[in-house]
PDB file of N, CA and C in Angstrom:
ATOM      1  N   MET A   1     -18.031  -4.044  -8.302  1.00  0.00           N
ATOM      2  CA  MET A   1     -17.523  -2.970  -7.467  1.00  0.00           C
ATOM      3  C   MET A   1     -16.019  -2.656  -8.466  1.00  0.00           C
ATOM      4  N   ASP A   2     -15.466  -1.543  -8.240  1.00  0.00           N
ATOM      5  CA  ASP A   2     -14.250  -1.129  -8.861  1.00  0.00           C
ATOM      6  C   ASP A   2     -13.059  -1.644  -7.369  1.00  0.00           C
ATOM      7  N   PRO A   3     -12.168  -2.653  -8.166  1.00  0.00           N
ATOM      8  CA  PRO A   3     -10.909  -2.868  -6.802  1.00  0.00           C
ATOM      9  C   PRO A   3     -10.855  -1.868  -5.656  1.00  0.00           C
ATOM     10  N   LEU A   4     -10.795  -0.660  -6.322  1.00  0.00           N
ATOM     11  CA  LEU A   4     -10.497   0.883  -5.262  1.00  0.00           C
ATOM     12  C   LEU A   4     -12.133   0.551  -4.064  1.00  0.00           C
ATOM     13  N   ASN A   5     -12.838   0.738  -4.469  1.00  0.00           N
ATOM     14  CA  ASN A   5     -14.081   0.872  -3.505  1.00  0.00           C
ATOM     15  C   ASN A   5     -14.006  -0.401  -2.912  1.00  0.00           C
ATOM     16  N   PHE A   6     -13.751  -2.027  -3.593  1.00  0.00           N
ATOM     17  CA  PHE A   6     -13.579  -2.673  -3.075  1.00  0.00           C
ATOM     18  C   PHE A   6     -12.503  -3.129  -2.099  1.00  0.00           C
ATOM     19  N   ALA A   7     -11.651  -2.775  -2.447  1.00  0.00           N
ATOM     20  CA  ALA A   7     -10.403  -2.312  -0.711  1.00  0.00           C
ATOM     21  C   ALA A   7     -10.589  -1.692   0.015  1.00  0.00           C
ATOM     22  N   TYR A   8     -11.536  -0.391   0.418  1.00  0.00           N
ATOM     23  CA  TYR A   8     -11.743   0.578   0.915  1.00  0.00           C
ATOM     24  C   TYR A   8     -12.853  -0.294   1.919  1.00  0.00           C
ATOM     25  N   ALA A   9     -13.387  -1.323   1.198  1.00  0.00           N
ATOM     26  CA  ALA A   9     -15.149  -1.862   1.895  1.00  0.00           C
ATOM     27  C   ALA A   9     -14.354  -3.108   2.787  1.00  0.00           C
ATOM     28  N   ILE A  10     -13.232  -3.886   2.557  1.00  0.00           N
ATOM     29  CA  ILE A  10     -12.220  -4.592   3.540  1.00  0.00           C
ATOM     30  C   ILE A  10     -11.645  -3.527   4.024  1.00  0.00           C
ATOM     31  N   LEU A  11     -11.138  -2.984   4.095  1.00  0.00           N
ATOM     32  CA  LEU A  11     -10.355  -2.466   5.061  1.00  0.00           C
ATOM     33  C   LEU A  11     -11.797  -1.570   6.394  1.00  0.00           C
ATOM     34  N   LYS A  12     -12.735  -1.359   5.783  1.00  0.00           N
ATOM     35  CA  LYS A  12     -13.956  -0.834   6.838  1.00  0.00           C
ATOM     36  C   LYS A  12     -14.241  -1.998   7.878  1.00  0.00           C
ATOM     37  N   GLY A  13     -14.097  -3.153   7.035  1.00  0.00           N
ATOM     38  CA  GLY A  13     -15.367  -4.316   7.911  1.00  0.00           C
ATOM     39  C   GLY A  13     -13.898  -4.757   8.513  1.00  0.00           C
ATOM     40  N   ILE A  14     -12.622  -5.286   8.178  1.00  0.00           N
ATOM     41  CA  ILE A  14     -11.163  -5.358   9.267  1.00  0.00           C
ATOM     42  C   ILE A  14     -11.598  -4.279  10.689  1.00  0.00           C
ATOM     43  N   GLN A  15     -11.599  -3.487   9.968  1.00  0.00           N
ATOM     44  CA  GLN A  15     -11.542  -2.631  11.273  1.00  0.00           C
ATOM     45  C   GLN A  15     -12.005  -2.069  11.722  1.00  0.00           C
ATOM     46  N   GLU A  16     -13.786  -3.214  12.137  1.00  0.00           N
ATOM     47  CA  GLU A  16     -14.798  -2.891  12.706  1.00  0.00           C
ATOM     48  C   GLU A  16     -14.454  -3.662  13.547  1.00  0.00           C
ATOM     49  N   ARG A  17     -13.971  -5.609  12.937  1.00  0.00           N
ATOM     50  CA  ARG A  17     -13.669  -6.718  13.584  1.00  0.00           C
ATOM     51  C   ARG A  17     -13.054  -6.228  14.774  1.00  0.00           C
ATOM     52  N   ILE A  18     -11.915  -5.323  14.418  1.00  0.00           N
ATOM     53  CA  ILE A  18     -10.797  -4.948  15.304  1.00  0.00           C
ATOM     54  C   ILE A  18     -11.358  -4.285  16.355  1.00  0.00           C
ATOM     55  N   ALA A  19     -12.674  -3.839  16.063  1.00  0.00           N
ATOM     56  CA  ALA A  19     -12.584  -2.593  16.858  1.00  0.00           C
ATOM     57  C   ALA A  19     -13.792  -3.501  17.664  1.00  0.00           C
ATOM     58  N   LEU A  20     -14.785  -4.660  17.433  1.00  0.00           N
ATOM     59  CA  LEU A  20     -15.303  -5.245  18.346  1.00  0.00           C
ATOM     60  C   LEU A  20     -14.475  -6.280  19.101  1.00  0.00           C
ATOM     61  N   THR A  21     -13.163  -6.948  18.559  1.00  0.00           N
ATOM     62  CA  THR A  21     -12.895  -8.215  19.407  1.00  0.00           C
ATOM     63  C   THR A  21     -11.426  -7.410  20.476  1.00  0.00           C
ATOM     64  N   GLU A  22     -11.523  -6.152  19.815  1.00  0.00           N
ATOM     65  CA  GLU A  22     -10.340  -5.246  21.643  1.00  0.00           C
ATOM     66  C   GLU A  22     -11.876  -4.834  22.395  1.00  0.00           C
ATOM     67  N   GLN A  23     -13.206  -4.457  22.204  1.00  0.00           N
ATOM     68  CA  GLN A  23     -14.110  -4.293  23.197  1.00  0.00           C
ATOM     69  C   GLN A  23     -14.231  -5.601  23.999  1.00  0.00           C
ATOM     70  N   ALA A  24     -14.154  -7.547  22.695  1.00  0.00           N
ATOM     71  CA  ALA A  24     -14.809  -8.404  23.945  1.00  0.00           C
ATOM     72  C   ALA A  24     -13.300  -8.275  24.414  1.00  0.00           C
ATOM     73  N   ILE A  25     -12.351  -8.248  24.316  1.00  0.00           N
ATOM     74  CA  ILE A  25     -11.467  -8.449  25.434  1.00  0.00           C
ATOM     75  C   ILE A  25     -11.080  -7.918  26.263  1.00  0.00           C
ATOM     76  N   LEU A  26     -11.156  -7.036  26.570  1.00  0.00           N
ATOM     77  CA  LEU A  26     -11.260  -5.460  27.394  1.00  0.00           C
ATOM     78  C   LEU A  26     -12.564  -5.732  27.802  1.00  0.00           C
ATOM     79  N   ALA A  27     -13.619  -6.075  27.761  1.00  0.00           N
ATOM     80  CA  ALA A  27     -15.040  -6.207  28.762  1.00  0.00           C
ATOM     81  C   ALA A  27     -14.746  -7.786  29.467  1.00  0.00           C
ATOM     82  N   GLY A  28     -14.021  -8.157  28.979  1.00  0.00           N
ATOM     83  CA  GLY A  28     -13.510  -9.326  29.562  1.00  0.00           C
ATOM     84  C   GLY A  28     -14.139 -10.509  29.571  1.00  0.00           C
ATOM     85  N   SER A  29     -14.659 -10.421  27.898  1.00  0.00           N
ATOM     86  CA  SER A  29     -15.302 -11.329  27.977  1.00  0.00           C
ATOM     87  C   SER A  29     -14.938 -12.726  27.503  1.00  0.00           C
ATOM     88  N   PRO A  30     -13.452 -13.178  26.794  1.00  0.00           N
ATOM     89  CA  PRO A  30     -12.594 -14.372  27.332  1.00  0.00           C
ATOM     90  C   PRO A  30     -12.736 -14.930  28.609  1.00  0.00           C
ATOM     91  N   LYS A  31     -13.542 -16.082  28.834  1.00  0.00           N
ATOM     92  CA  LYS A  31     -13.271 -16.620  30.551  1.00  0.00           C
ATOM     93  C   LYS A  31     -12.142 -17.458  30.594  1.00  0.00           C
ATOM     94  N   THR A  32     -11.657 -18.093  29.728  1.00  0.00           N
ATOM     95  CA  THR A  32     -10.518 -18.949  29.512  1.00  0.00           C
ATOM     96  C   THR A  32      -9.284 -18.451  28.953  1.00  0.00           C
ATOM     97  N   MET A  33      -8.231 -19.157  29.878  1.00  0.00           N
ATOM     98  CA  MET A  33      -6.879 -18.011  28.969  1.00  0.00           C
ATOM     99  C   MET A  33      -6.944 -18.929  27.521  1.00  0.00           C
ATOM    100  N   GLU A  34      -7.553 -19.739  26.712  1.00  0.00           N
ATOM    101  CA  GLU A  34      -7.683 -20.027  25.507  1.00  0.00           C
ATOM    102  C   GLU A  34      -8.637 -19.187  25.071  1.00  0.00           C
ATOM    103  N   ASP A  35      -9.423 -18.955  25.708  1.00  0.00           N
ATOM    104  CA  ASP A  35     -10.437 -18.197  25.000  1.00  0.00           C
ATOM    105  C   ASP A  35      -9.825 -16.831  24.332  1.00  0.00           C
ATOM    106  N   TYR A  36      -8.792 -16.192  25.747  1.00  0.00           N
ATOM    107  CA  TYR A  36      -8.010 -15.001  25.955  1.00  0.00           C
ATOM    108  C   TYR A  36      -7.358 -15.194  23.858  1.00  0.00           C
ATOM    109  N   ARG A  37      -6.615 -16.672  24.313  1.00  0.00           N
ATOM    110  CA  ARG A  37      -5.536 -16.469  23.542  1.00  0.00           C
ATOM    111  C   ARG A  37      -5.767 -16.847  21.698  1.00  0.00           C
ATOM    112  N   GLN A  38      -7.402 -17.236  21.442  1.00  0.00           N
ATOM    113  CA  GLN A  38      -7.878 -17.012  20.324  1.00  0.00           C
ATOM    114  C   GLN A  38      -8.291 -15.813  20.194  1.00  0.00           C
ATOM    115  N   LEU A  39      -9.252 -14.810  20.625  1.00  0.00           N
ATOM    116  CA  LEU A  39      -9.304 -13.493  20.296  1.00  0.00           C
ATOM    117  C   LEU A  39      -7.721 -13.026  20.096  1.00  0.00           C
ATOM    118  N   ALA A  40      -6.846 -12.451  20.654  1.00  0.00           N
ATOM    119  CA  ALA A  40      -5.790 -12.172  20.843  1.00  0.00           C
ATOM    120  C   ALA A  40      -5.096 -12.719  19.613  1.00  0.00           C
ATOM    121  N   GLY A  41      -5.013 -13.822  19.154  1.00  0.00           N
ATOM    122  CA  GLY A  41      -4.466 -14.037  17.737  1.00  0.00           C
ATOM    123  C   GLY A  41      -5.400 -13.710  16.566  1.00  0.00           C
ATOM    124  N   GLU A  42      -6.778 -13.462  17.170  1.00  0.00           N
ATOM    125  CA  GLU A  42      -7.866 -12.803  15.979  1.00  0.00           C
ATOM    126  C   GLU A  42      -7.678 -11.127  16.198  1.00  0.00           C
ATOM    127  N   LEU A  43      -7.267 -10.773  16.599  1.00  0.00           N
ATOM    128  CA  LEU A  43      -6.724  -9.553  16.674  1.00  0.00           C
ATOM    129  C   LEU A  43      -5.240  -9.212  15.580  1.00  0.00           C
ATOM    130  N   LYS A  44      -4.454  -9.875  16.616  1.00  0.00           N
ATOM    131  CA  LYS A  44      -3.189  -9.647  15.305  1.00  0.00           C
ATOM    132  C   LYS A  44      -3.357 -10.299  14.106  1.00  0.00           C
ATOM    133  N   GLY A  45      -3.840 -11.046  13.529  1.00  0.00           N
ATOM    134  CA  GLY A  45      -4.375 -11.615  12.605  1.00  0.00           C
ATOM    135  C   GLY A  45      -5.238 -10.327  11.594  1.00  0.00           C
ATOM    136  N   LEU A  46      -6.207 -10.066  12.382  1.00  0.00           N
ATOM    137  CA  LEU A  46      -6.250  -8.716  11.665  1.00  0.00           C
ATOM    138  C   LEU A  46      -5.984  -7.644  11.377  1.00  0.00           C
ATOM    139  N   GLN A  47      -5.128  -7.076  12.599  1.00  0.00           N
ATOM    140  CA  GLN A  47      -4.030  -5.947  12.542  1.00  0.00           C
ATOM    141  C   GLN A  47      -3.091  -6.156  10.994  1.00  0.00           C
ATOM    142  N   PHE A  48      -2.491  -7.185  10.892  1.00  0.00           N
ATOM    143  CA  PHE A  48      -1.504  -7.896  10.162  1.00  0.00           C
ATOM    144  C   PHE A  48      -2.618  -7.522   8.693  1.00  0.00           C
ATOM    145  N   ALA A  49      -3.347  -7.885   8.687  1.00  0.00           N
ATOM    146  CA  ALA A  49      -4.868  -8.129   6.995  1.00  0.00           C
ATOM    147  C   ALA A  49      -4.446  -6.298   7.124  1.00  0.00           C
ATOM    148  N   GLU A  50      -5.331  -5.641   8.218  1.00  0.00           N
ATOM    149  CA  GLU A  50      -5.165  -4.025   7.904  1.00  0.00           C
ATOM    150  C   GLU A  50      -4.172  -3.256   7.607  1.00  0.00           C
ATOM    151  N   ARG A  51      -2.834  -3.701   7.920  1.00  0.00           N
ATOM    152  CA  ARG A  51      -1.251  -3.074   7.501  1.00  0.00           C
ATOM    153  C   ARG A  51      -1.203  -3.325   6.011  1.00  0.00           C
ATOM    154  N   GLU A  52      -1.366  -4.430   5.636  1.00  0.00           N
ATOM    155  CA  GLU A  52      -1.497  -5.303   4.257  1.00  0.00           C
ATOM    156  C   GLU A  52      -2.327  -4.464   3.521  1.00  0.00           C
ATOM    157  N   VAL A  53      -3.187  -4.073   4.291  1.00  0.00           N
ATOM    158  CA  VAL A  53      -4.486  -3.272   3.621  1.00  0.00           C
ATOM    159  C   VAL A  53      -4.486  -1.927   2.656  1.00  0.00           C
ATOM    160  N   LYS A  54      -3.724  -1.424   3.673  1.00  0.00           N
ATOM    161  CA  LYS A  54      -2.955   0.239   4.298  1.00  0.00           C
ATOM    162  C   LYS A  54      -2.458   0.624   2.992  1.00  0.00           C
ATOM    163  N   ASP A  55      -1.134  -0.123   3.098  1.00  0.00           N
ATOM    164  CA  ASP A  55      -0.334  -0.197   2.642  1.00  0.00           C
ATOM    165  C   ASP A  55      -0.417  -0.216   0.817  1.00  0.00           C
ATOM    166  N   ALA A  56      -0.918  -1.430   0.538  1.00  0.00           N
ATOM    167  CA  ALA A  56      -1.802  -1.205  -0.807  1.00  0.00           C
ATOM    168  C   ALA A  56      -2.050  -0.250  -1.076  1.00  0.00           C
ATOM    169  N   LEU A  57      -3.255   0.301  -0.365  1.00  0.00           N
ATOM    170  CA  LEU A  57      -3.759   1.901  -0.773  1.00  0.00           C
ATOM    171  C   LEU A  57      -2.890   2.753  -0.979  1.00  0.00           C
ATOM    172  N   ASP A  58      -1.848   2.578  -0.004  1.00  0.00           N
ATOM    173  CA  ASP A  58      -0.724   3.868  -0.046  1.00  0.00           C
ATOM    174  C   ASP A  58       0.173   3.947  -1.609  1.00  0.00           C
ATOM    175  N   ARG A  59       0.005   2.368  -1.627  1.00  0.00           N
ATOM    176  CA  ARG A  59       1.176   1.841  -2.662  1.00  0.00           C
ATOM    177  C   ARG A  59       0.840   2.661  -3.957  1.00  0.00           C
ATOM    178  N   ASN A  60      -0.694   2.295  -4.498  1.00  0.00           N
ATOM    179  CA  ASN A  60      -1.497   2.465  -5.699  1.00  0.00           C
ATOM    180  C   ASN A  60      -1.535   3.927  -5.897  1.00  0.00           C
ATOM    181  N   GLU A  61      -1.885   4.783  -4.325  1.00  0.00           N
ATOM    182  CA  GLU A  61      -1.861   6.302  -4.129  1.00  0.00           C
ATOM    183  C   GLU A  61      -0.793   6.462  -4.799  1.00  0.00           C
ATOM    184  N   LYS A  62       0.344   6.167  -4.519  1.00  0.00           N
ATOM    185  CA  LYS A  62       1.976   6.995  -4.807  1.00  0.00           C
ATOM    186  C   LYS A  62       1.426   6.508  -6.734  1.00  0.00           C
ATOM    187  N   ALA A  63       1.300   5.216  -7.127  1.00  0.00           N
ATOM    188  CA  ALA A  63       1.545   5.403  -8.314  1.00  0.00           C
ATOM    189  C   ALA A  63       0.434   5.744  -9.459  1.00  0.00           C
ATOM    190  N   GLU A  64      -0.699   6.361  -8.220  1.00  0.00           N
ATOM    191  CA  GLU A  64      -1.450   6.896  -9.084  1.00  0.00           C
ATOM    192  C   GLU A  64      -1.018   8.542  -9.266  1.00  0.00           C
ATOM    193  N   SER A  65      -0.555   9.085  -8.536  1.00  0.00           N
ATOM    194  CA  SER A  65      -0.193  10.395  -8.113  1.00  0.00           C
ATOM    195  C   SER A  65       1.150  10.888  -9.448  1.00  0.00           C
ATOM    196  N   ASN A  66       2.400   9.423  -9.407  1.00  0.00           N
ATOM    197  CA  ASN A  66       3.295   9.938 -10.115  1.00  0.00           C
ATOM    198  C   ASN A  66       2.917   9.680 -11.854  1.00  0.00           C
TER     199      ASN A  66
END
């Protein structure tokens, strides 16, 4: 698998996990405040990773167009 396809596959996996985590929070899955904090922390980390991968893909796209 080439690096670009790998990055898009990782991005898709991250986005799917973000959606599942958001659904769990909104559905009231966390029964304790600690459970909520854990899910919120996971969501924050996933969102950070998503931004990093998107930024890297954008930089790559701009470099290829120049």
